[in-house]
Amino acid sequence: MARSLWKGPFIQNLILKKATNWKKNNLPSYKLIRIWSRNSVIFPSFVGLNFEVYNGKTYVPLLIKKKMIGAKFGEFVLTRKMVKHK
């Protein structure tokens, strides 16, 4: 079931604060912002930033592009290893 419209998109406050501080202080975009919230929505202000999203074991680097706006961080970071049989 989708989230109700009056609530708006979900985002963890810490992610929003880190991203706005990153843009405000003109920090280099090649440095990574570490986050744990895979269910947070990607906002347009995140375009061009590098995030490291925790997949349960390690941090996976993720560069935000325009096509990713509106999706969730967890959609781009796999949690299960692909099994390849010989």
PDB file of N, CA and C in Angstrom:
ATOM      1  N   MET A   1       0.835  -1.166   0.000  1.00  0.00           N
ATOM      2  CA  MET A   1       0.000   0.000   0.000  1.00  0.00           C
ATOM      3  C   MET A   1       0.890   1.243   0.000  1.00  0.00           C
ATOM      4  N   ALA A   2       0.504   2.247  -0.740  1.00  0.00           N
ATOM      5  CA  ALA A   2       1.285   3.473  -0.862  1.00  0.00           C
ATOM      6  C   ALA A   2       1.091   4.364   0.360  1.00  0.00           C
ATOM      7  N   ARG A   3       2.029   5.226   0.560  1.00  0.00           N
ATOM      8  CA  ARG A   3       1.963   6.193   1.659  1.00  0.00           C
ATOM      9  C   ARG A   3       0.952   7.268   1.295  1.00  0.00           C
ATOM     10  N   SER A   4       0.174   7.743   2.266  1.00  0.00           N
ATOM     11  CA  SER A   4      -0.856   8.735   1.983  1.00  0.00           C
ATOM     12  C   SER A   4      -0.225  10.064   1.559  1.00  0.00           C
ATOM     13  N   LEU A   5      -0.924  10.768   0.693  1.00  0.00           N
ATOM     14  CA  LEU A   5      -0.392  12.002   0.113  1.00  0.00           C
ATOM     15  C   LEU A   5      -0.226  13.118   1.134  1.00  0.00           C
ATOM     16  N   TRP A   6      -1.084  13.195   2.129  1.00  0.00           N
ATOM     17  CA  TRP A   6      -0.983  14.283   3.085  1.00  0.00           C
ATOM     18  C   TRP A   6       0.253  14.168   3.968  1.00  0.00           C
ATOM     19  N   LYS A   7       0.816  12.959   4.085  1.00  0.00           N
ATOM     20  CA  LYS A   7       2.042  12.780   4.861  1.00  0.00           C
ATOM     21  C   LYS A   7       3.280  13.211   4.079  1.00  0.00           C
ATOM     22  N   GLY A   8       3.254  13.031   2.779  1.00  0.00           N
ATOM     23  CA  GLY A   8       4.415  13.356   1.962  1.00  0.00           C
ATOM     24  C   GLY A   8       5.413  12.209   1.939  1.00  0.00           C
ATOM     25  N   PRO A   9       6.483  12.354   1.186  1.00  0.00           N
ATOM     26  CA  PRO A   9       7.475  11.270   1.090  1.00  0.00           C
ATOM     27  C   PRO A   9       8.259  11.124   2.391  1.00  0.00           C
ATOM     28  N   PHE A  10       8.653   9.875   2.690  1.00  0.00           N
ATOM     29  CA  PHE A  10       9.406   9.610   3.905  1.00  0.00           C
ATOM     30  C   PHE A  10      10.890   9.866   3.672  1.00  0.00           C
ATOM     31  N   ILE A  11      11.505  10.557   4.610  1.00  0.00           N
ATOM     32  CA  ILE A  11      12.957  10.710   4.608  1.00  0.00           C
ATOM     33  C   ILE A  11      13.404  10.857   6.052  1.00  0.00           C
ATOM     34  N   GLN A  12      14.489  10.218   6.370  1.00  0.00           N
ATOM     35  CA  GLN A  12      15.032  10.336   7.714  1.00  0.00           C
ATOM     36  C   GLN A  12      15.648  11.725   7.860  1.00  0.00           C
ATOM     37  N   ASN A  13      15.383  12.385   8.973  1.00  0.00           N
ATOM     38  CA  ASN A  13      15.837  13.764   9.170  1.00  0.00           C
ATOM     39  C   ASN A  13      17.350  13.895   9.086  1.00  0.00           C
ATOM     40  N   LEU A  14      18.082  12.901   9.574  1.00  0.00           N
ATOM     41  CA  LEU A  14      19.542  12.954   9.568  1.00  0.00           C
ATOM     42  C   LEU A  14      20.094  13.029   8.139  1.00  0.00           C
ATOM     43  N   ILE A  15      19.483  12.307   7.217  1.00  0.00           N
ATOM     44  CA  ILE A  15      19.936  12.317   5.820  1.00  0.00           C
ATOM     45  C   ILE A  15      19.723  13.706   5.219  1.00  0.00           C
ATOM     46  N   LEU A  16      18.582  14.287   5.478  1.00  0.00           N
ATOM     47  CA  LEU A  16      18.267  15.607   4.948  1.00  0.00           C
ATOM     48  C   LEU A  16      19.217  16.662   5.507  1.00  0.00           C
ATOM     49  N   LYS A  17      19.529  16.578   6.803  1.00  0.00           N
ATOM     50  CA  LYS A  17      20.462  17.524   7.412  1.00  0.00           C
ATOM     51  C   LYS A  17      21.863  17.379   6.828  1.00  0.00           C
ATOM     52  N   LYS A  18      22.325  16.125   6.664  1.00  0.00           N
ATOM     53  CA  LYS A  18      23.661  15.901   6.116  1.00  0.00           C
ATOM     54  C   LYS A  18      23.768  16.441   4.695  1.00  0.00           C
ATOM     55  N   ALA A  19      22.749  16.187   3.873  1.00  0.00           N
ATOM     56  CA  ALA A  19      22.785  16.629   2.477  1.00  0.00           C
ATOM     57  C   ALA A  19      22.742  18.153   2.364  1.00  0.00           C
ATOM     58  N   THR A  20      21.923  18.806   3.174  1.00  0.00           N
ATOM     59  CA  THR A  20      21.853  20.269   3.091  1.00  0.00           C
ATOM     60  C   THR A  20      23.149  20.905   3.595  1.00  0.00           C
ATOM     61  N   ASN A  21      23.739  20.348   4.646  1.00  0.00           N
ATOM     62  CA  ASN A  21      25.030  20.862   5.124  1.00  0.00           C
ATOM     63  C   ASN A  21      26.116  20.650   4.087  1.00  0.00           C
ATOM     64  N   TRP A  22      26.058  19.532   3.384  1.00  0.00           N
ATOM     65  CA  TRP A  22      27.046  19.209   2.357  1.00  0.00           C
ATOM     66  C   TRP A  22      26.992  20.241   1.240  1.00  0.00           C
ATOM     67  N   LYS A  23      25.784  20.572   0.795  1.00  0.00           N
ATOM     68  CA  LYS A  23      25.623  21.544  -0.291  1.00  0.00           C
ATOM     69  C   LYS A  23      25.938  22.968   0.193  1.00  0.00           C
ATOM     70  N   LYS A  24      25.538  23.287   1.430  1.00  0.00           N
ATOM     71  CA  LYS A  24      25.732  24.636   1.959  1.00  0.00           C
ATOM     72  C   LYS A  24      27.216  24.949   2.151  1.00  0.00           C
ATOM     73  N   ASN A  25      27.985  23.980   2.636  1.00  0.00           N
ATOM     74  CA  ASN A  25      29.402  24.195   2.913  1.00  0.00           C
ATOM     75  C   ASN A  25      30.298  23.923   1.714  1.00  0.00           C
ATOM     76  N   ASN A  26      29.703  23.602   0.567  1.00  0.00           N
ATOM     77  CA  ASN A  26      30.447  23.331  -0.670  1.00  0.00           C
ATOM     78  C   ASN A  26      31.532  22.270  -0.465  1.00  0.00           C
ATOM     79  N   LEU A  27      31.174  21.199   0.217  1.00  0.00           N
ATOM     80  CA  LEU A  27      32.115  20.103   0.401  1.00  0.00           C
ATOM     81  C   LEU A  27      32.259  19.341  -0.909  1.00  0.00           C
ATOM     82  N   PRO A  28      33.405  18.697  -1.151  1.00  0.00           N
ATOM     83  CA  PRO A  28      33.611  18.002  -2.429  1.00  0.00           C
ATOM     84  C   PRO A  28      32.615  16.860  -2.615  1.00  0.00           C
ATOM     85  N   SER A  29      32.156  16.689  -3.859  1.00  0.00           N
ATOM     86  CA  SER A  29      31.130  15.681  -4.138  1.00  0.00           C
ATOM     87  C   SER A  29      31.688  14.267  -4.184  1.00  0.00           C
ATOM     88  N   TYR A  30      33.017  14.121  -4.241  1.00  0.00           N
ATOM     89  CA  TYR A  30      33.578  12.770  -4.303  1.00  0.00           C
ATOM     90  C   TYR A  30      33.615  12.101  -2.930  1.00  0.00           C
ATOM     91  N   LYS A  31      33.457  12.871  -1.860  1.00  0.00           N
ATOM     92  CA  LYS A  31      33.386  12.277  -0.531  1.00  0.00           C
ATOM     93  C   LYS A  31      32.009  11.654  -0.343  1.00  0.00           C
ATOM     94  N   LEU A  32      31.927  10.642   0.518  1.00  0.00           N
ATOM     95  CA  LEU A  32      30.701   9.870   0.658  1.00  0.00           C
ATOM     96  C   LEU A  32      29.962  10.189   1.951  1.00  0.00           C
ATOM     97  N   ILE A  33      28.635  10.227   1.852  1.00  0.00           N
ATOM     98  CA  ILE A  33      27.771  10.402   3.017  1.00  0.00           C
ATOM     99  C   ILE A  33      27.244   9.019   3.377  1.00  0.00           C
ATOM    100  N   ARG A  34      27.528   8.547   4.590  1.00  0.00           N
ATOM    101  CA  ARG A  34      27.090   7.217   5.003  1.00  0.00           C
ATOM    102  C   ARG A  34      25.681   7.279   5.585  1.00  0.00           C
ATOM    103  N   ILE A  35      24.801   6.393   5.078  1.00  0.00           N
ATOM    104  CA  ILE A  35      23.432   6.332   5.590  1.00  0.00           C
ATOM    105  C   ILE A  35      23.021   4.886   5.817  1.00  0.00           C
ATOM    106  N   TRP A  36      22.036   4.689   6.681  1.00  0.00           N
ATOM    107  CA  TRP A  36      21.529   3.360   6.988  1.00  0.00           C
ATOM    108  C   TRP A  36      20.086   3.201   6.540  1.00  0.00           C
ATOM    109  N   SER A  37      19.403   4.282   6.308  1.00  0.00           N
ATOM    110  CA  SER A  37      17.979   4.246   5.994  1.00  0.00           C
ATOM    111  C   SER A  37      17.769   3.946   4.514  1.00  0.00           C
ATOM    112  N   ARG A  38      17.445   2.690   4.218  1.00  0.00           N
ATOM    113  CA  ARG A  38      17.209   2.281   2.830  1.00  0.00           C
ATOM    114  C   ARG A  38      15.813   2.656   2.364  1.00  0.00           C
ATOM    115  N   ASN A  39      14.902   2.955   3.279  1.00  0.00           N
ATOM    116  CA  ASN A  39      13.523   3.250   2.900  1.00  0.00           C
ATOM    117  C   ASN A  39      13.252   4.745   2.735  1.00  0.00           C
ATOM    118  N   SER A  40      14.282   5.559   2.768  1.00  0.00           N
ATOM    119  CA  SER A  40      14.120   6.996   2.548  1.00  0.00           C
ATOM    120  C   SER A  40      14.067   7.294   1.048  1.00  0.00           C
ATOM    121  N   VAL A  41      13.272   8.288   0.686  1.00  0.00           N
ATOM    122  CA  VAL A  41      13.078   8.678  -0.709  1.00  0.00           C
ATOM    123  C   VAL A  41      14.193   9.622  -1.135  1.00  0.00           C
ATOM    124  N   ILE A  42      14.622   9.497  -2.382  1.00  0.00           N
ATOM    125  CA  ILE A  42      15.665  10.364  -2.941  1.00  0.00           C
ATOM    126  C   ILE A  42      15.023  11.673  -3.417  1.00  0.00           C
ATOM    127  N   PHE A  43      15.514  12.787  -2.910  1.00  0.00           N
ATOM    128  CA  PHE A  43      14.991  14.108  -3.255  1.00  0.00           C
ATOM    129  C   PHE A  43      15.817  14.724  -4.386  1.00  0.00           C
ATOM    130  N   PRO A  44      15.251  15.712  -5.115  1.00  0.00           N
ATOM    131  CA  PRO A  44      15.991  16.373  -6.189  1.00  0.00           C
ATOM    132  C   PRO A  44      17.248  17.097  -5.717  1.00  0.00           C
ATOM    133  N   SER A  45      17.291  17.492  -4.457  1.00  0.00           N
ATOM    134  CA  SER A  45      18.473  18.200  -3.954  1.00  0.00           C
ATOM    135  C   SER A  45      19.669  17.263  -3.770  1.00  0.00           C
ATOM    136  N   PHE A  46      19.457  15.952  -3.861  1.00  0.00           N
ATOM    137  CA  PHE A  46      20.538  14.984  -3.685  1.00  0.00           C
ATOM    138  C   PHE A  46      21.296  14.690  -4.973  1.00  0.00           C
ATOM    139  N   VAL A  47      20.844  15.220  -6.106  1.00  0.00           N
ATOM    140  CA  VAL A  47      21.469  14.918  -7.398  1.00  0.00           C
ATOM    141  C   VAL A  47      22.918  15.381  -7.389  1.00  0.00           C
ATOM    142  N   GLY A  48      23.812  14.472  -7.751  1.00  0.00           N
ATOM    143  CA  GLY A  48      25.232  14.779  -7.806  1.00  0.00           C
ATOM    144  C   GLY A  48      25.984  14.408  -6.547  1.00  0.00           C
ATOM    145  N   LEU A  49      25.279  14.039  -5.479  1.00  0.00           N
ATOM    146  CA  LEU A  49      25.945  13.653  -4.236  1.00  0.00           C
ATOM    147  C   LEU A  49      26.249  12.154  -4.228  1.00  0.00           C
ATOM    148  N   ASN A  50      27.283  11.790  -3.515  1.00  0.00           N
ATOM    149  CA  ASN A  50      27.651  10.389  -3.351  1.00  0.00           C
ATOM    150  C   ASN A  50      27.231   9.924  -1.965  1.00  0.00           C
ATOM    151  N   PHE A  51      26.523   8.813  -1.915  1.00  0.00           N
ATOM    152  CA  PHE A  51      26.096   8.227  -0.657  1.00  0.00           C
ATOM    153  C   PHE A  51      26.699   6.840  -0.534  1.00  0.00           C
ATOM    154  N   GLU A  52      26.854   6.388   0.701  1.00  0.00           N
ATOM    155  CA  GLU A  52      27.191   5.001   0.979  1.00  0.00           C
ATOM    156  C   GLU A  52      26.012   4.432   1.747  1.00  0.00           C
ATOM    157  N   VAL A  53      25.317   3.469   1.146  1.00  0.00           N
ATOM    158  CA  VAL A  53      24.121   2.897   1.734  1.00  0.00           C
ATOM    159  C   VAL A  53      24.473   1.540   2.335  1.00  0.00           C
ATOM    160  N   TYR A  54      24.047   1.303   3.567  1.00  0.00           N
ATOM    161  CA  TYR A  54      24.350   0.062   4.266  1.00  0.00           C
ATOM    162  C   TYR A  54      23.393  -1.031   3.809  1.00  0.00           C
ATOM    163  N   ASN A  55      23.934  -2.173   3.371  1.00  0.00           N
ATOM    164  CA  ASN A  55      23.083  -3.251   2.880  1.00  0.00           C
ATOM    165  C   ASN A  55      22.951  -4.402   3.880  1.00  0.00           C
ATOM    166  N   GLY A  56      23.401  -4.208   5.107  1.00  0.00           N
ATOM    167  CA  GLY A  56      23.315  -5.238   6.119  1.00  0.00           C
ATOM    168  C   GLY A  56      24.660  -5.866   6.421  1.00  0.00           C
ATOM    169  N   LYS A  57      25.616  -5.660   5.534  1.00  0.00           N
ATOM    170  CA  LYS A  57      26.957  -6.215   5.720  1.00  0.00           C
ATOM    171  C   LYS A  57      28.033  -5.162   5.469  1.00  0.00           C
ATOM    172  N   THR A  58      27.923  -4.472   4.360  1.00  0.00           N
ATOM    173  CA  THR A  58      28.906  -3.459   3.972  1.00  0.00           C
ATOM    174  C   THR A  58      28.183  -2.210   3.470  1.00  0.00           C
ATOM    175  N   TYR A  59      28.956  -1.175   3.234  1.00  0.00           N
ATOM    176  CA  TYR A  59      28.433   0.055   2.639  1.00  0.00           C
ATOM    177  C   TYR A  59      28.688   0.011   1.134  1.00  0.00           C
ATOM    178  N   VAL A  60      27.641   0.271   0.365  1.00  0.00           N
ATOM    179  CA  VAL A  60      27.726   0.244  -1.093  1.00  0.00           C
ATOM    180  C   VAL A  60      27.661   1.681  -1.599  1.00  0.00           C
ATOM    181  N   PRO A  61      28.670   2.122  -2.387  1.00  0.00           N
ATOM    182  CA  PRO A  61      28.644   3.504  -2.896  1.00  0.00           C
ATOM    183  C   PRO A  61      27.543   3.698  -3.941  1.00  0.00           C
ATOM    184  N   LEU A  62      26.928   4.873  -3.908  1.00  0.00           N
ATOM    185  CA  LEU A  62      25.809   5.171  -4.796  1.00  0.00           C
ATOM    186  C   LEU A  62      25.871   6.637  -5.195  1.00  0.00           C
ATOM    187  N   LEU A  63      25.994   6.921  -6.494  1.00  0.00           N
ATOM    188  CA  LEU A  63      25.974   8.276  -7.026  1.00  0.00           C
ATOM    189  C   LEU A  63      24.550   8.580  -7.475  1.00  0.00           C
ATOM    190  N   ILE A  64      23.980   9.650  -6.982  1.00  0.00           N
ATOM    191  CA  ILE A  64      22.588   9.992  -7.278  1.00  0.00           C
ATOM    192  C   ILE A  64      22.517  10.723  -8.618  1.00  0.00           C
ATOM    193  N   LYS A  65      21.616  10.240  -9.490  1.00  0.00           N
ATOM    194  CA  LYS A  65      21.386  10.838 -10.811  1.00  0.00           C
ATOM    195  C   LYS A  65      19.936  11.294 -10.903  1.00  0.00           C
ATOM    196  N   LYS A  66      19.608  12.041 -11.943  1.00  0.00           N
ATOM    197  CA  LYS A  66      18.253  12.580 -12.102  1.00  0.00           C
ATOM    198  C   LYS A  66      17.195  11.491 -12.212  1.00  0.00           C
ATOM    199  N   LYS A  67      17.525  10.377 -12.825  1.00  0.00           N
ATOM    200  CA  LYS A  67      16.551   9.304 -13.010  1.00  0.00           C
ATOM    201  C   LYS A  67      16.161   8.626 -11.698  1.00  0.00           C
ATOM    202  N   MET A  68      16.953   8.814 -10.652  1.00  0.00           N
ATOM    203  CA  MET A  68      16.707   8.157  -9.363  1.00  0.00           C
ATOM    204  C   MET A  68      15.746   8.937  -8.469  1.00  0.00           C
ATOM    205  N   ILE A  69      15.376  10.146  -8.841  1.00  0.00           N
ATOM    206  CA  ILE A  69      14.520  10.985  -7.995  1.00  0.00           C
ATOM    207  C   ILE A  69      13.167  10.310  -7.808  1.00  0.00           C
ATOM    208  N   GLY A  70      12.713  10.256  -6.565  1.00  0.00           N
ATOM    209  CA  GLY A  70      11.421   9.649  -6.244  1.00  0.00           C
ATOM    210  C   GLY A  70      11.518   8.191  -5.857  1.00  0.00           C
ATOM    211  N   ALA A  71      12.626   7.548  -6.154  1.00  0.00           N
ATOM    212  CA  ALA A  71      12.830   6.154  -5.765  1.00  0.00           C
ATOM    213  C   ALA A  71      13.422   6.120  -4.359  1.00  0.00           C
ATOM    214  N   LYS A  72      13.582   4.921  -3.836  1.00  0.00           N
ATOM    215  CA  LYS A  72      14.159   4.774  -2.501  1.00  0.00           C
ATOM    216  C   LYS A  72      15.596   4.301  -2.618  1.00  0.00           C
ATOM    217  N   PHE A  73      16.399   4.603  -1.606  1.00  0.00           N
ATOM    218  CA  PHE A  73      17.804   4.219  -1.624  1.00  0.00           C
ATOM    219  C   PHE A  73      17.974   2.708  -1.724  1.00  0.00           C
ATOM    220  N   GLY A  74      17.102   1.956  -1.096  1.00  0.00           N
ATOM    221  CA  GLY A  74      17.205   0.504  -1.068  1.00  0.00           C
ATOM    222  C   GLY A  74      17.005  -0.162  -2.408  1.00  0.00           C
ATOM    223  N   GLU A  75      16.380   0.522  -3.361  1.00  0.00           N
ATOM    224  CA  GLU A  75      16.147  -0.060  -4.679  1.00  0.00           C
ATOM    225  C   GLU A  75      17.437  -0.231  -5.473  1.00  0.00           C
ATOM    226  N   PHE A  76      18.454   0.520  -5.136  1.00  0.00           N
ATOM    227  CA  PHE A  76      19.695   0.496  -5.904  1.00  0.00           C
ATOM    228  C   PHE A  76      20.816  -0.270  -5.208  1.00  0.00           C
ATOM    229  N   VAL A  77      20.542  -0.778  -4.012  1.00  0.00           N
ATOM    230  CA  VAL A  77      21.556  -1.506  -3.254  1.00  0.00           C
ATOM    231  C   VAL A  77      21.017  -2.896  -2.944  1.00  0.00           C
ATOM    232  N   LEU A  78      21.651  -3.905  -3.494  1.00  0.00           N
ATOM    233  CA  LEU A  78      21.191  -5.278  -3.292  1.00  0.00           C
ATOM    234  C   LEU A  78      21.626  -5.782  -1.921  1.00  0.00           C
ATOM    235  N   THR A  79      20.760  -6.582  -1.295  1.00  0.00           N
ATOM    236  CA  THR A  79      21.079  -7.135   0.022  1.00  0.00           C
ATOM    237  C   THR A  79      21.442  -8.609  -0.064  1.00  0.00           C
ATOM    238  N   ARG A  80      21.078  -9.245  -1.146  1.00  0.00           N
ATOM    239  CA  ARG A  80      21.364 -10.665  -1.290  1.00  0.00           C
ATOM    240  C   ARG A  80      22.387 -10.899  -2.387  1.00  0.00           C
ATOM    241  N   LYS A  81      23.238 -11.860  -2.155  1.00  0.00           N
ATOM    242  CA  LYS A  81      24.282 -12.182  -3.112  1.00  0.00           C
ATOM    243  C   LYS A  81      23.709 -13.051  -4.220  1.00  0.00           C
ATOM    244  N   MET A  82      24.060 -12.767  -5.449  1.00  0.00           N
ATOM    245  CA  MET A  82      23.598 -13.561  -6.584  1.00  0.00           C
ATOM    246  C   MET A  82      24.344 -14.894  -6.605  1.00  0.00           C
ATOM    247  N   VAL A  83      23.598 -15.984  -6.689  1.00  0.00           N
ATOM    248  CA  VAL A  83      24.190 -17.316  -6.700  1.00  0.00           C
ATOM    249  C   VAL A  83      24.491 -17.703  -8.146  1.00  0.00           C
ATOM    250  N   LYS A  84      25.749 -18.062  -8.403  1.00  0.00           N
ATOM    251  CA  LYS A  84      26.142 -18.503  -9.737  1.00  0.00           C
ATOM    252  C   LYS A  84      26.642 -19.926  -9.650  1.00  0.00           C
ATOM    253  N   HIS A  85      25.994 -20.830 -10.337  1.00  0.00           N
ATOM    254  CA  HIS A  85      26.402 -22.215 -10.349  1.00  0.00           C
ATOM    255  C   HIS A  85      27.348 -22.458 -11.519  1.00  0.00           C
ATOM    256  N   LYS A  86      28.290 -23.323 -11.300  1.00  0.00           N
ATOM    257  CA  LYS A  86      29.252 -23.613 -12.356  1.00  0.00           C
ATOM    258  C   LYS A  86      28.693 -24.527 -13.399  1.00  0.00           C
TER     259      LYS A  86
END
